[in-house]
N, C-alpha and C. Protein backbone atom coordinates (compact mmCIF):
# COMPACT_ATOMS: atom_id res chain seq x y z
N MET A 1 -4.75 -21.17 -17.45
CA MET A 1 -4.48 -19.89 -16.92
C MET A 1 -3.69 -19.17 -17.84
N THR A 2 -4.42 -17.93 -18.00
CA THR A 2 -3.90 -17.10 -19.20
C THR A 2 -2.92 -16.13 -18.20
N VAL A 3 -2.32 -15.48 -19.05
CA VAL A 3 -1.32 -14.00 -18.20
C VAL A 3 -2.46 -13.00 -17.69
N GLU A 4 -3.76 -12.78 -18.13
CA GLU A 4 -4.36 -12.06 -17.34
C GLU A 4 -5.04 -12.88 -15.92
N ASP A 5 -5.27 -13.89 -16.09
CA ASP A 5 -5.78 -14.42 -14.72
C ASP A 5 -4.60 -14.77 -13.75
N SER A 6 -3.43 -14.73 -14.19
CA SER A 6 -2.15 -14.64 -13.12
C SER A 6 -2.12 -13.56 -12.49
N ASP A 7 -2.43 -12.43 -13.26
CA ASP A 7 -2.16 -10.82 -12.71
C ASP A 7 -3.16 -11.08 -11.86
N THR A 8 -4.39 -11.47 -12.23
CA THR A 8 -5.82 -11.17 -11.17
C THR A 8 -5.34 -11.81 -9.90
N TYR A 9 -4.36 -12.77 -9.79
CA TYR A 9 -4.09 -13.56 -8.42
C TYR A 9 -3.10 -13.28 -7.87
N ALA A 10 -1.89 -12.54 -8.75
CA ALA A 10 -0.93 -12.01 -8.07
C ALA A 10 -0.86 -11.02 -6.50
N LEU A 11 -0.13 -11.84 -5.82
CA LEU A 11 -0.01 -10.93 -4.51
C LEU A 11 0.87 -10.27 -4.29
N LEU A 12 0.52 -8.80 -4.27
CA LEU A 12 1.51 -7.56 -4.45
C LEU A 12 1.38 -6.88 -2.77
N ARG A 13 2.66 -6.51 -2.38
CA ARG A 13 2.77 -5.76 -1.07
C ARG A 13 3.39 -4.36 -1.36
N LEU A 14 2.47 -3.21 -0.80
CA LEU A 14 2.71 -1.94 -0.62
C LEU A 14 3.37 -1.73 0.36
N ARG A 15 4.59 -1.18 0.49
CA ARG A 15 5.17 -0.96 1.98
C ARG A 15 5.67 0.90 2.02
N VAL A 16 4.91 1.22 3.24
CA VAL A 16 5.06 2.66 3.27
C VAL A 16 6.00 3.04 4.56
N ALA A 17 6.67 3.91 4.56
CA ALA A 17 7.19 4.38 5.73
C ALA A 17 6.84 6.00 6.00
N THR A 18 6.31 6.17 6.85
CA THR A 18 5.64 7.61 7.45
C THR A 18 5.93 7.88 8.78
N GLU A 19 6.01 9.10 8.87
CA GLU A 19 6.09 10.00 10.18
C GLU A 19 4.91 9.58 10.83
N SER A 20 5.11 9.44 12.16
CA SER A 20 4.00 9.02 13.02
C SER A 20 3.00 10.13 13.28
N ASP A 21 1.73 9.54 12.80
CA ASP A 21 0.40 10.33 13.00
C ASP A 21 -0.54 9.51 13.49
N PRO A 22 -1.66 10.16 14.30
CA PRO A 22 -2.78 9.46 14.35
C PRO A 22 -3.62 9.00 13.35
N SER A 23 -3.54 9.69 12.16
CA SER A 23 -4.51 9.52 11.04
C SER A 23 -4.13 8.67 9.92
N THR A 24 -2.48 8.29 10.12
CA THR A 24 -1.96 7.45 8.93
C THR A 24 -2.24 6.49 8.32
N LEU A 25 -3.02 5.40 9.52
CA LEU A 25 -3.76 4.34 8.86
C LEU A 25 -5.09 4.72 8.01
N THR A 26 -5.84 5.58 8.76
CA THR A 26 -6.96 5.46 7.65
C THR A 26 -6.79 6.26 6.54
N ARG A 27 -5.71 7.23 6.41
CA ARG A 27 -5.37 8.02 5.13
C ARG A 27 -4.91 6.90 4.18
N LEU A 28 -3.99 6.36 4.42
CA LEU A 28 -3.39 5.23 3.67
C LEU A 28 -4.52 4.24 2.91
N LEU A 29 -5.53 3.85 4.08
CA LEU A 29 -6.51 2.86 3.67
C LEU A 29 -7.59 3.61 2.76
N GLY A 30 -7.46 4.70 3.11
CA GLY A 30 -8.79 5.50 1.94
C GLY A 30 -8.04 5.45 0.70
N TYR A 31 -7.26 5.51 0.23
CA TYR A 31 -6.63 5.37 -1.32
C TYR A 31 -7.08 4.19 -1.81
N PHE A 32 -7.30 2.79 -0.98
CA PHE A 32 -7.96 1.80 -1.53
C PHE A 32 -9.67 1.85 -1.11
N GLN A 33 -10.03 2.62 -0.42
CA GLN A 33 -11.56 2.50 -0.35
C GLN A 33 -12.09 3.14 -1.74
N ASN A 34 -11.47 4.50 -1.73
CA ASN A 34 -12.11 5.22 -3.03
C ASN A 34 -11.87 4.33 -4.53
N LEU A 35 -10.99 3.40 -4.41
CA LEU A 35 -11.05 2.34 -5.68
C LEU A 35 -11.75 1.24 -5.41
N ASN A 36 -12.45 1.00 -4.31
CA ASN A 36 -13.05 -0.09 -3.93
C ASN A 36 -12.56 -1.39 -3.99
N ILE A 37 -11.32 -1.22 -3.35
CA ILE A 37 -10.03 -2.43 -3.09
C ILE A 37 -10.21 -2.58 -1.85
N THR A 38 -10.33 -4.08 -1.26
CA THR A 38 -10.18 -4.54 0.05
C THR A 38 -8.95 -5.20 0.15
N PRO A 39 -7.98 -4.58 1.03
CA PRO A 39 -6.62 -5.41 1.17
C PRO A 39 -6.89 -6.52 1.78
N ARG A 40 -5.83 -7.69 1.71
CA ARG A 40 -5.83 -9.02 2.10
C ARG A 40 -5.49 -8.91 3.52
N ARG A 41 -4.47 -8.12 3.82
CA ARG A 41 -3.68 -7.95 4.82
C ARG A 41 -3.21 -6.73 5.09
N ILE A 42 -3.11 -6.29 6.26
CA ILE A 42 -2.49 -4.87 6.74
C ILE A 42 -1.70 -4.93 8.13
N ALA A 43 -0.44 -4.48 8.19
CA ALA A 43 0.29 -4.52 9.37
C ALA A 43 0.93 -3.22 9.48
N ALA A 44 1.27 -2.79 10.47
CA ALA A 44 1.45 -1.30 11.09
C ALA A 44 2.49 -1.77 12.34
N GLU A 45 3.86 -0.99 12.23
CA GLU A 45 4.62 -0.96 13.20
C GLU A 45 5.17 0.41 13.39
N PHE A 46 5.35 0.54 14.82
CA PHE A 46 6.03 2.16 15.12
C PHE A 46 7.41 1.32 15.22
N ALA A 47 8.40 2.14 14.68
CA ALA A 47 10.15 2.04 14.78
C ALA A 47 10.32 2.66 16.00
N THR A 48 11.49 2.54 16.40
CA THR A 48 12.03 3.26 17.68
C THR A 48 12.52 4.62 17.22
N THR A 49 12.74 4.88 15.97
CA THR A 49 12.96 6.28 15.66
C THR A 49 11.66 6.97 15.36
N GLY A 50 10.54 6.65 15.91
CA GLY A 50 9.44 7.72 15.37
C GLY A 50 8.52 7.41 14.25
N LEU A 51 9.23 6.35 13.47
CA LEU A 51 8.36 6.33 12.41
C LEU A 51 7.52 5.37 12.21
N VAL A 52 6.53 5.28 11.22
CA VAL A 52 5.55 4.25 11.08
C VAL A 52 5.77 3.35 9.86
N HIS A 53 5.63 1.81 10.10
CA HIS A 53 6.10 1.15 8.65
C HIS A 53 5.01 0.26 8.47
N VAL A 54 4.38 0.64 7.23
CA VAL A 54 3.03 -0.06 6.89
C VAL A 54 3.08 -0.94 5.98
N GLU A 55 2.65 -2.44 6.13
CA GLU A 55 2.72 -2.82 4.94
C GLU A 55 1.30 -3.47 4.39
N ILE A 56 0.71 -3.49 3.15
CA ILE A 56 -0.53 -3.55 2.73
C ILE A 56 -0.49 -4.52 1.54
N ASP A 57 -0.88 -5.72 1.84
CA ASP A 57 -1.05 -7.00 0.89
C ASP A 57 -2.39 -6.71 0.20
N VAL A 58 -2.31 -6.77 -1.21
CA VAL A 58 -3.19 -6.78 -2.31
C VAL A 58 -3.30 -7.90 -3.35
N SER A 59 -4.47 -8.45 -3.86
CA SER A 59 -4.48 -9.21 -5.18
C SER A 59 -5.43 -8.62 -5.95
N GLY A 60 -5.60 -8.71 -7.11
CA GLY A 60 -6.63 -8.29 -7.97
C GLY A 60 -6.45 -7.03 -8.38
N VAL A 61 -5.25 -6.68 -8.21
CA VAL A 61 -4.88 -5.28 -8.55
C VAL A 61 -3.80 -5.14 -9.65
N SER A 62 -3.60 -4.54 -10.57
CA SER A 62 -2.70 -4.60 -11.69
C SER A 62 -1.31 -3.67 -11.04
N GLU A 63 -0.61 -3.95 -11.65
CA GLU A 63 0.64 -3.39 -11.29
C GLU A 63 0.90 -2.15 -11.59
N SER A 64 0.30 -1.64 -12.86
CA SER A 64 0.39 -0.13 -12.98
C SER A 64 -0.84 0.71 -11.90
N ARG A 65 -1.52 -0.09 -11.50
CA ARG A 65 -2.55 0.77 -10.67
C ARG A 65 -2.03 0.59 -9.19
N LEU A 66 -1.33 -0.28 -8.91
CA LEU A 66 -0.50 -0.24 -7.44
C LEU A 66 0.35 0.90 -7.61
N SER A 67 1.01 1.02 -8.90
CA SER A 67 2.10 2.13 -8.84
C SER A 67 1.41 3.43 -8.94
N MET A 68 0.44 3.55 -9.57
CA MET A 68 -0.36 4.64 -9.18
C MET A 68 -0.70 5.20 -7.81
N ILE A 69 -1.21 4.28 -7.16
CA ILE A 69 -1.66 4.50 -5.47
C ILE A 69 -0.11 4.60 -5.04
N ALA A 70 0.72 3.91 -5.18
CA ALA A 70 2.22 4.01 -4.20
C ALA A 70 2.41 5.81 -4.74
N GLY A 71 2.39 6.12 -5.93
CA GLY A 71 2.92 7.38 -6.32
C GLY A 71 2.16 8.27 -5.62
N LYS A 72 0.65 8.24 -5.50
CA LYS A 72 -0.13 9.36 -4.82
C LYS A 72 0.22 9.41 -3.29
N ILE A 73 0.41 8.06 -2.71
CA ILE A 73 0.78 8.13 -1.21
C ILE A 73 2.04 8.67 -0.90
N GLY A 74 3.24 8.58 -1.99
CA GLY A 74 4.36 9.09 -1.95
C GLY A 74 4.58 10.70 -1.97
N GLN A 75 3.41 11.13 -2.36
CA GLN A 75 3.00 12.80 -2.70
C GLN A 75 2.71 13.29 -1.36
N ALA A 76 2.32 12.57 -0.22
CA ALA A 76 1.62 13.13 0.90
C ALA A 76 2.81 13.69 1.66
N VAL A 77 2.64 14.38 2.28
CA VAL A 77 3.64 15.28 3.03
C VAL A 77 4.31 14.50 4.03
N PRO A 78 3.73 13.80 5.36
CA PRO A 78 4.64 13.03 6.17
C PRO A 78 5.18 11.41 5.59
N VAL A 79 4.90 11.22 4.31
CA VAL A 79 5.45 10.13 4.04
C VAL A 79 6.51 9.93 3.44
N LEU A 80 7.74 9.34 3.94
CA LEU A 80 9.28 9.18 3.39
C LEU A 80 9.29 8.29 2.24
N ASN A 81 8.54 7.30 1.99
CA ASN A 81 8.71 6.13 1.13
C ASN A 81 7.51 5.37 0.96
N ALA A 82 7.38 5.02 -0.22
CA ALA A 82 6.16 4.29 -0.69
C ALA A 82 6.40 3.28 -2.02
N TYR A 83 6.56 2.04 -1.95
CA TYR A 83 6.88 1.25 -2.77
C TYR A 83 6.19 -0.05 -3.17
N TRP A 84 6.08 -0.61 -4.23
CA TRP A 84 5.42 -1.96 -4.16
C TRP A 84 6.36 -3.16 -4.58
N HIS A 85 6.08 -4.15 -4.20
CA HIS A 85 6.62 -5.47 -4.85
C HIS A 85 6.07 -6.65 -4.58
N TRP A 86 6.38 -7.76 -5.55
CA TRP A 86 5.54 -8.95 -5.66
C TRP A 86 5.72 -9.82 -4.41
N LEU A 87 4.91 -10.92 -4.14
CA LEU A 87 5.25 -11.83 -2.92
C LEU A 87 5.51 -13.07 -3.69
């Protein structure tokens, strides 16, 4: 297994905290759809504070590309925080 192979199979998680909005999930998943990326797992939870916490697990995506996606998501108006980490 080469370094490139390990990056291909690395499992990364994108975490997003956003204000509650009916179109939150579809807008977040639209970033992945535009790049033809299918997430491995998606979890969303409404907090008692009125925020929505979303976790999106992906593999086969480079760290730089996921950083770009997180940056674009972070620029959206109702998004409070967007970051990724390894699993």
